[in-house]
Amino acid sequence: MKSAMLGIVEIRGVTRRRFLVCVGATTTAACSSGASQPAPVGNVAAGNVSQLPVGSLRVAGNAAACIGRDAGGVYAMTLTCTHAGCDMGTNGSVSSQGIFCACHGSEFDANGEVVRGPASYPLDHFAVTMDTGGNLTIEGAQIVSATERLPV
């Protein structure tokens, strides 16, 4: 049966209403990036580099950000889950093994790559600076590549 309003044909029990619901859901998904944007953190004091051993990853203060150190240097990431925007610093766990979101079960490795969904996007990384005394600052407004490290 042809619909005069939409010029579509009803196929095997798919009603006009069901078609519009499906098209609306597809269009909405296609028009959004699908990833939650990181919570704004601004500049975050992240302690002294001497207190951040190689192989560590920890929450930075009260911000939705973490700071880590590997063989390449110091790096920082958002703790805003890319699935639904949960703050994994307060609603999850952060360790050198990785990051877990307690809201819906997403897991990320220590570099922010998705290990297990429902998240499907990696965590954004932030620039890190260090003053002459070794004090670290996460530059939360400056997103950088996941491979960028502050050499120490």
N, C-alpha and C. Protein backbone atom coordinates (compact mmCIF):
# COMPACT_ATOMS: atom_id res chain seq x y z
N MET A 1 0.85 -1.18 0.00
CA MET A 1 0.00 0.00 0.00
C MET A 1 0.88 1.23 0.00
N LYS A 2 0.63 2.14 -0.89
CA LYS A 2 1.46 3.32 -1.05
C LYS A 2 0.95 4.45 -0.15
N SER A 3 1.88 5.14 0.51
CA SER A 3 1.51 6.27 1.35
C SER A 3 1.60 7.54 0.51
N ALA A 4 0.52 8.30 0.46
CA ALA A 4 0.49 9.52 -0.33
C ALA A 4 1.39 10.60 0.27
N MET A 5 1.51 10.62 1.61
CA MET A 5 2.29 11.67 2.26
C MET A 5 3.79 11.47 2.07
N LEU A 6 4.30 10.26 2.17
CA LEU A 6 5.73 10.03 2.13
C LEU A 6 6.21 9.40 0.83
N GLY A 7 5.30 8.88 0.04
CA GLY A 7 5.71 8.22 -1.18
C GLY A 7 6.50 6.95 -0.90
N ILE A 8 6.16 6.23 0.18
CA ILE A 8 6.84 4.98 0.51
C ILE A 8 5.86 3.82 0.40
N VAL A 9 6.40 2.66 0.28
CA VAL A 9 5.59 1.47 0.18
C VAL A 9 5.70 0.70 1.48
N GLU A 10 4.58 0.22 2.03
CA GLU A 10 4.61 -0.60 3.23
C GLU A 10 5.10 -1.99 2.84
N ILE A 11 6.14 -2.45 3.50
CA ILE A 11 6.75 -3.73 3.17
C ILE A 11 6.56 -4.69 4.32
N ARG A 12 5.87 -5.81 4.06
CA ARG A 12 5.71 -6.90 5.01
C ARG A 12 5.52 -6.47 6.46
N GLY A 13 4.52 -5.69 6.71
CA GLY A 13 4.16 -5.36 8.07
C GLY A 13 4.92 -4.20 8.69
N VAL A 14 5.81 -3.57 7.94
CA VAL A 14 6.52 -2.40 8.48
C VAL A 14 5.60 -1.21 8.28
N THR A 15 5.07 -0.71 9.37
CA THR A 15 4.13 0.40 9.28
C THR A 15 4.85 1.71 9.07
N ARG A 16 4.10 2.71 8.65
CA ARG A 16 4.65 4.05 8.46
C ARG A 16 5.28 4.54 9.77
N ARG A 17 4.58 4.30 10.87
CA ARG A 17 5.07 4.73 12.17
C ARG A 17 6.41 4.08 12.51
N ARG A 18 6.51 2.75 12.31
CA ARG A 18 7.75 2.03 12.61
C ARG A 18 8.89 2.53 11.71
N PHE A 19 8.58 2.77 10.45
CA PHE A 19 9.57 3.29 9.52
C PHE A 19 10.11 4.63 10.00
N LEU A 20 9.22 5.54 10.40
CA LEU A 20 9.65 6.86 10.86
C LEU A 20 10.48 6.78 12.13
N VAL A 21 10.14 5.88 13.05
CA VAL A 21 10.93 5.69 14.27
C VAL A 21 12.34 5.24 13.91
N CYS A 22 12.43 4.28 13.00
CA CYS A 22 13.75 3.76 12.60
C CYS A 22 14.57 4.81 11.88
N VAL A 23 13.94 5.55 10.96
CA VAL A 23 14.66 6.59 10.23
C VAL A 23 15.11 7.67 11.20
N GLY A 24 14.27 8.05 12.15
CA GLY A 24 14.65 9.06 13.14
C GLY A 24 15.82 8.62 13.98
N ALA A 25 15.83 7.36 14.40
CA ALA A 25 16.94 6.85 15.21
C ALA A 25 18.23 6.82 14.41
N THR A 26 18.15 6.41 13.15
CA THR A 26 19.34 6.35 12.31
C THR A 26 19.88 7.74 12.05
N THR A 27 19.00 8.68 11.75
CA THR A 27 19.42 10.05 11.47
C THR A 27 20.07 10.67 12.70
N THR A 28 19.49 10.47 13.86
CA THR A 28 20.05 11.02 15.08
C THR A 28 21.44 10.47 15.33
N ALA A 29 21.61 9.17 15.16
CA ALA A 29 22.92 8.56 15.38
C ALA A 29 23.93 9.06 14.37
N ALA A 30 23.50 9.24 13.13
CA ALA A 30 24.43 9.66 12.09
C ALA A 30 24.84 11.12 12.26
N CYS A 31 24.00 11.92 12.88
CA CYS A 31 24.30 13.34 13.03
C CYS A 31 25.14 13.65 14.26
N SER A 32 25.36 12.71 15.14
CA SER A 32 26.17 12.96 16.33
C SER A 32 27.44 12.13 16.26
N SER A 33 28.47 12.57 16.97
CA SER A 33 29.74 11.86 16.94
C SER A 33 29.66 10.54 17.68
N GLY A 34 28.70 10.39 18.59
CA GLY A 34 28.57 9.16 19.34
C GLY A 34 29.41 9.14 20.61
N ALA A 35 30.38 10.00 20.71
CA ALA A 35 31.25 10.01 21.88
C ALA A 35 30.92 11.19 22.77
N SER A 36 30.94 10.95 24.08
CA SER A 36 30.77 12.05 25.02
C SER A 36 32.05 12.88 25.02
N GLN A 37 31.88 14.17 25.04
CA GLN A 37 33.02 15.06 25.08
C GLN A 37 33.60 15.09 26.49
N PRO A 38 34.94 15.26 26.62
CA PRO A 38 35.52 15.29 27.96
C PRO A 38 35.00 16.49 28.76
N ALA A 39 34.84 16.27 30.06
CA ALA A 39 34.43 17.37 30.93
C ALA A 39 35.54 18.41 30.94
N PRO A 40 35.19 19.70 30.92
CA PRO A 40 36.23 20.73 30.96
C PRO A 40 36.97 20.65 32.30
N VAL A 41 38.29 20.63 32.23
CA VAL A 41 39.05 20.52 33.47
C VAL A 41 39.97 21.71 33.70
N GLY A 42 40.22 22.54 32.69
CA GLY A 42 41.13 23.67 32.85
C GLY A 42 42.52 23.18 33.20
N ASN A 43 43.28 24.01 33.89
CA ASN A 43 44.61 23.61 34.33
C ASN A 43 44.51 22.92 35.68
N VAL A 44 45.15 21.76 35.79
CA VAL A 44 45.06 20.97 37.00
C VAL A 44 46.46 20.70 37.54
N ALA A 45 46.72 21.11 38.77
CA ALA A 45 47.98 20.77 39.42
C ALA A 45 48.00 19.26 39.64
N ALA A 46 49.06 18.60 39.17
CA ALA A 46 49.09 17.14 39.19
C ALA A 46 50.26 16.58 40.00
N GLY A 47 50.77 17.36 40.93
CA GLY A 47 51.84 16.87 41.80
C GLY A 47 53.22 17.00 41.18
N ASN A 48 54.19 16.44 41.86
CA ASN A 48 55.58 16.52 41.42
C ASN A 48 55.96 15.25 40.69
N VAL A 49 56.76 15.41 39.65
CA VAL A 49 57.17 14.27 38.83
C VAL A 49 57.90 13.22 39.66
N SER A 50 58.56 13.63 40.75
CA SER A 50 59.27 12.67 41.59
C SER A 50 58.32 11.71 42.30
N GLN A 51 57.04 12.06 42.39
CA GLN A 51 56.03 11.22 43.04
C GLN A 51 55.22 10.40 42.03
N LEU A 52 55.68 10.38 40.78
CA LEU A 52 54.97 9.68 39.71
C LEU A 52 55.93 8.68 39.06
N PRO A 53 56.01 7.49 39.62
CA PRO A 53 56.96 6.51 39.08
C PRO A 53 56.55 5.98 37.69
N VAL A 54 57.51 5.52 36.94
CA VAL A 54 57.24 4.88 35.65
C VAL A 54 56.29 3.71 35.89
N GLY A 55 55.28 3.59 35.03
CA GLY A 55 54.29 2.51 35.16
C GLY A 55 53.11 2.87 36.03
N SER A 56 52.95 4.15 36.37
CA SER A 56 51.83 4.54 37.24
C SER A 56 50.79 5.34 36.46
N LEU A 57 49.57 5.32 36.98
CA LEU A 57 48.44 6.08 36.44
C LEU A 57 47.53 6.35 37.62
N ARG A 58 47.18 7.65 37.83
CA ARG A 58 46.34 8.00 38.98
C ARG A 58 45.46 9.19 38.66
N VAL A 59 44.39 9.34 39.43
CA VAL A 59 43.50 10.49 39.31
C VAL A 59 44.27 11.73 39.73
N ALA A 60 44.03 12.82 39.02
CA ALA A 60 44.68 14.10 39.33
C ALA A 60 43.73 14.97 40.13
N GLY A 61 43.94 15.04 41.44
CA GLY A 61 43.12 15.88 42.31
C GLY A 61 41.65 15.52 42.23
N ASN A 62 40.80 16.56 42.14
CA ASN A 62 39.36 16.36 42.04
C ASN A 62 38.84 16.51 40.62
N ALA A 63 39.76 16.63 39.66
CA ALA A 63 39.37 16.83 38.27
C ALA A 63 39.02 15.50 37.60
N ALA A 64 38.26 15.58 36.52
CA ALA A 64 37.95 14.39 35.72
C ALA A 64 39.12 14.15 34.77
N ALA A 65 40.29 13.96 35.36
CA ALA A 65 41.51 13.74 34.58
C ALA A 65 42.45 12.85 35.37
N CYS A 66 43.33 12.18 34.65
CA CYS A 66 44.35 11.36 35.30
C CYS A 66 45.70 11.67 34.69
N ILE A 67 46.72 11.32 35.42
CA ILE A 67 48.09 11.54 34.95
C ILE A 67 48.84 10.22 35.08
N GLY A 68 49.67 9.95 34.10
CA GLY A 68 50.41 8.70 34.09
C GLY A 68 51.83 8.92 33.63
N ARG A 69 52.61 7.88 33.82
CA ARG A 69 54.01 7.92 33.36
C ARG A 69 54.38 6.54 32.85
N ASP A 70 54.94 6.52 31.66
CA ASP A 70 55.46 5.28 31.10
C ASP A 70 56.89 5.52 30.65
N ALA A 71 57.46 4.58 29.94
CA ALA A 71 58.86 4.70 29.52
C ALA A 71 59.10 5.92 28.63
N GLY A 72 58.06 6.41 27.96
CA GLY A 72 58.19 7.58 27.08
C GLY A 72 58.08 8.91 27.79
N GLY A 73 57.53 8.93 28.99
CA GLY A 73 57.37 10.18 29.73
C GLY A 73 56.03 10.27 30.42
N VAL A 74 55.62 11.51 30.68
CA VAL A 74 54.39 11.80 31.43
C VAL A 74 53.28 12.17 30.45
N TYR A 75 52.07 11.68 30.74
CA TYR A 75 50.91 11.97 29.90
C TYR A 75 49.68 12.13 30.78
N ALA A 76 48.63 12.73 30.20
CA ALA A 76 47.38 12.94 30.94
C ALA A 76 46.20 12.67 30.02
N MET A 77 45.09 12.24 30.62
CA MET A 77 43.87 11.95 29.86
C MET A 77 42.64 12.41 30.63
N THR A 78 41.56 12.55 29.90
CA THR A 78 40.28 12.78 30.53
C THR A 78 39.81 11.51 31.23
N LEU A 79 39.01 11.67 32.24
CA LEU A 79 38.34 10.53 32.88
C LEU A 79 36.83 10.58 32.61
N THR A 80 36.44 11.32 31.57
CA THR A 80 35.06 11.34 31.13
C THR A 80 34.87 10.18 30.17
N CYS A 81 34.05 9.20 30.56
CA CYS A 81 33.83 8.03 29.72
C CYS A 81 33.21 8.46 28.40
N THR A 82 33.72 7.93 27.30
CA THR A 82 33.23 8.30 25.98
C THR A 82 31.89 7.66 25.64
N HIS A 83 31.40 6.77 26.49
CA HIS A 83 30.10 6.16 26.23
C HIS A 83 28.96 7.08 26.65
N ALA A 84 28.92 7.45 27.93
CA ALA A 84 27.79 8.25 28.42
C ALA A 84 28.22 9.45 29.27
N GLY A 85 29.51 9.74 29.32
CA GLY A 85 29.97 10.93 30.01
C GLY A 85 30.17 10.79 31.51
N CYS A 86 30.22 9.59 32.04
CA CYS A 86 30.44 9.41 33.47
C CYS A 86 31.87 9.81 33.85
N ASP A 87 32.04 10.36 35.04
CA ASP A 87 33.37 10.68 35.57
C ASP A 87 33.92 9.41 36.22
N MET A 88 34.88 8.80 35.57
CA MET A 88 35.41 7.53 36.05
C MET A 88 36.34 7.71 37.25
N GLY A 89 36.72 8.94 37.54
CA GLY A 89 37.52 9.20 38.74
C GLY A 89 36.70 9.05 40.00
N THR A 90 35.41 9.37 39.91
CA THR A 90 34.52 9.23 41.07
C THR A 90 33.58 8.04 40.94
N ASN A 91 33.35 7.58 39.71
CA ASN A 91 32.43 6.47 39.50
C ASN A 91 33.12 5.41 38.64
N GLY A 92 34.19 4.88 39.20
CA GLY A 92 34.97 3.86 38.50
C GLY A 92 36.28 3.65 39.22
N SER A 93 37.27 3.19 38.48
CA SER A 93 38.59 3.01 39.09
C SER A 93 39.69 3.30 38.08
N VAL A 94 40.81 3.78 38.61
CA VAL A 94 41.97 4.14 37.80
C VAL A 94 43.19 3.49 38.44
N SER A 95 43.94 2.75 37.64
CA SER A 95 45.17 2.13 38.13
C SER A 95 46.13 1.95 36.96
N SER A 96 47.32 1.50 37.25
CA SER A 96 48.30 1.27 36.19
C SER A 96 47.83 0.18 35.23
N GLN A 97 46.85 -0.61 35.63
CA GLN A 97 46.29 -1.66 34.77
C GLN A 97 45.30 -1.09 33.76
N GLY A 98 44.71 0.06 34.07
CA GLY A 98 43.75 0.69 33.18
C GLY A 98 42.66 1.41 33.93
N ILE A 99 41.59 1.72 33.20
CA ILE A 99 40.50 2.54 33.74
C ILE A 99 39.18 1.78 33.53
N PHE A 100 38.36 1.78 34.57
CA PHE A 100 37.07 1.08 34.53
C PHE A 100 35.96 2.08 34.82
N CYS A 101 34.91 2.05 34.02
CA CYS A 101 33.74 2.89 34.25
C CYS A 101 32.66 2.07 34.93
N ALA A 102 32.30 2.45 36.15
CA ALA A 102 31.29 1.71 36.90
C ALA A 102 29.87 2.01 36.42
N CYS A 103 29.68 3.03 35.60
CA CYS A 103 28.32 3.34 35.12
C CYS A 103 27.77 2.23 34.23
N HIS A 104 28.54 1.82 33.21
CA HIS A 104 28.03 0.85 32.25
C HIS A 104 29.04 -0.24 31.91
N GLY A 105 30.19 -0.25 32.59
CA GLY A 105 31.14 -1.34 32.43
C GLY A 105 32.21 -1.18 31.37
N SER A 106 32.36 0.00 30.78
CA SER A 106 33.42 0.19 29.80
C SER A 106 34.78 0.08 30.48
N GLU A 107 35.75 -0.42 29.73
CA GLU A 107 37.13 -0.52 30.23
C GLU A 107 38.08 0.07 29.19
N PHE A 108 39.11 0.75 29.69
CA PHE A 108 40.12 1.37 28.85
C PHE A 108 41.48 0.91 29.34
N ASP A 109 42.46 0.79 28.43
CA ASP A 109 43.80 0.44 28.88
C ASP A 109 44.47 1.68 29.48
N ALA A 110 45.70 1.55 29.92
CA ALA A 110 46.41 2.64 30.59
C ALA A 110 46.73 3.81 29.67
N ASN A 111 46.51 3.64 28.37
CA ASN A 111 46.69 4.74 27.42
C ASN A 111 45.36 5.26 26.88
N GLY A 112 44.24 4.79 27.45
CA GLY A 112 42.94 5.30 27.08
C GLY A 112 42.26 4.62 25.91
N GLU A 113 42.82 3.54 25.39
CA GLU A 113 42.18 2.80 24.31
C GLU A 113 41.08 1.91 24.88
N VAL A 114 40.00 1.76 24.16
CA VAL A 114 38.88 0.93 24.60
C VAL A 114 39.30 -0.54 24.61
N VAL A 115 39.10 -1.19 25.75
CA VAL A 115 39.36 -2.62 25.90
C VAL A 115 38.04 -3.38 25.82
N ARG A 116 36.99 -2.78 26.41
CA ARG A 116 35.67 -3.40 26.43
C ARG A 116 34.62 -2.31 26.44
N GLY A 117 33.58 -2.45 25.63
CA GLY A 117 32.49 -1.49 25.53
C GLY A 117 31.53 -1.60 26.68
N PRO A 118 30.54 -0.74 26.64
CA PRO A 118 29.92 -0.15 25.47
C PRO A 118 30.63 1.05 24.86
N ALA A 119 31.61 1.65 25.50
CA ALA A 119 32.34 2.76 24.88
C ALA A 119 33.00 2.26 23.60
N SER A 120 33.04 3.12 22.59
CA SER A 120 33.68 2.72 21.34
C SER A 120 34.73 3.72 20.88
N TYR A 121 34.97 4.76 21.68
CA TYR A 121 35.97 5.77 21.36
C TYR A 121 37.00 5.85 22.48
N PRO A 122 38.27 6.09 22.14
CA PRO A 122 39.31 6.21 23.17
C PRO A 122 39.17 7.52 23.95
N LEU A 123 39.87 7.61 25.06
CA LEU A 123 39.86 8.81 25.89
C LEU A 123 40.79 9.87 25.28
N ASP A 124 40.37 11.14 25.38
CA ASP A 124 41.21 12.24 24.91
C ASP A 124 42.39 12.43 25.85
N HIS A 125 43.53 12.78 25.27
CA HIS A 125 44.73 13.10 26.03
C HIS A 125 44.90 14.61 26.10
N PHE A 126 45.48 15.07 27.21
CA PHE A 126 45.74 16.49 27.42
C PHE A 126 47.24 16.74 27.47
N ALA A 127 47.63 17.97 27.12
CA ALA A 127 49.04 18.37 27.24
C ALA A 127 49.42 18.43 28.72
N VAL A 128 50.68 18.16 29.01
CA VAL A 128 51.22 18.25 30.37
C VAL A 128 52.45 19.14 30.33
N THR A 129 52.57 20.05 31.30
CA THR A 129 53.77 20.88 31.42
C THR A 129 54.40 20.64 32.78
N MET A 130 55.68 21.02 32.88
CA MET A 130 56.41 20.86 34.14
C MET A 130 57.24 22.11 34.38
N ASP A 131 57.19 22.63 35.62
CA ASP A 131 58.01 23.79 35.93
C ASP A 131 59.42 23.34 36.36
N THR A 132 60.27 24.29 36.68
CA THR A 132 61.67 23.97 37.02
C THR A 132 61.80 23.15 38.30
N GLY A 133 60.77 23.17 39.15
CA GLY A 133 60.79 22.39 40.38
C GLY A 133 60.23 20.98 40.20
N GLY A 134 59.81 20.63 38.97
CA GLY A 134 59.27 19.31 38.71
C GLY A 134 57.77 19.19 38.94
N ASN A 135 57.10 20.32 39.20
CA ASN A 135 55.66 20.31 39.42
C ASN A 135 54.92 20.21 38.09
N LEU A 136 54.00 19.26 38.01
CA LEU A 136 53.28 18.97 36.79
C LEU A 136 51.93 19.69 36.74
N THR A 137 51.55 20.14 35.55
CA THR A 137 50.24 20.74 35.33
C THR A 137 49.61 20.11 34.11
N ILE A 138 48.38 19.65 34.27
CA ILE A 138 47.61 19.15 33.13
C ILE A 138 46.94 20.35 32.49
N GLU A 139 47.16 20.53 31.20
CA GLU A 139 46.56 21.62 30.44
C GLU A 139 45.26 21.08 29.82
N GLY A 140 44.18 21.10 30.60
CA GLY A 140 42.93 20.45 30.23
C GLY A 140 42.21 21.03 29.04
N ALA A 141 42.62 22.20 28.58
CA ALA A 141 41.99 22.79 27.40
C ALA A 141 42.74 22.43 26.12
N GLN A 142 43.87 21.75 26.25
CA GLN A 142 44.70 21.43 25.09
C GLN A 142 44.74 19.92 24.84
N ILE A 143 43.94 19.46 23.90
CA ILE A 143 43.91 18.04 23.54
C ILE A 143 45.08 17.74 22.60
N VAL A 144 45.77 16.64 22.89
CA VAL A 144 46.94 16.25 22.10
C VAL A 144 46.80 14.79 21.65
N SER A 145 47.73 14.35 20.85
CA SER A 145 47.75 12.97 20.38
C SER A 145 47.95 12.01 21.55
N ALA A 146 47.40 10.81 21.43
CA ALA A 146 47.56 9.80 22.48
C ALA A 146 49.00 9.32 22.61
N THR A 147 49.83 9.65 21.66
CA THR A 147 51.24 9.25 21.74
C THR A 147 52.13 10.33 22.33
N GLU A 148 51.58 11.52 22.54
CA GLU A 148 52.41 12.62 23.05
C GLU A 148 52.76 12.39 24.53
N ARG A 149 54.03 12.61 24.85
CA ARG A 149 54.54 12.47 26.22
C ARG A 149 55.43 13.68 26.55
N LEU A 150 55.44 14.04 27.83
CA LEU A 150 56.37 15.05 28.32
C LEU A 150 57.61 14.27 28.76
N PRO A 151 58.73 14.44 28.05
CA PRO A 151 59.93 13.69 28.45
C PRO A 151 60.43 14.17 29.81
N VAL A 152 60.80 13.23 30.66
CA VAL A 152 61.34 13.58 31.98
C VAL A 152 62.61 12.81 32.27
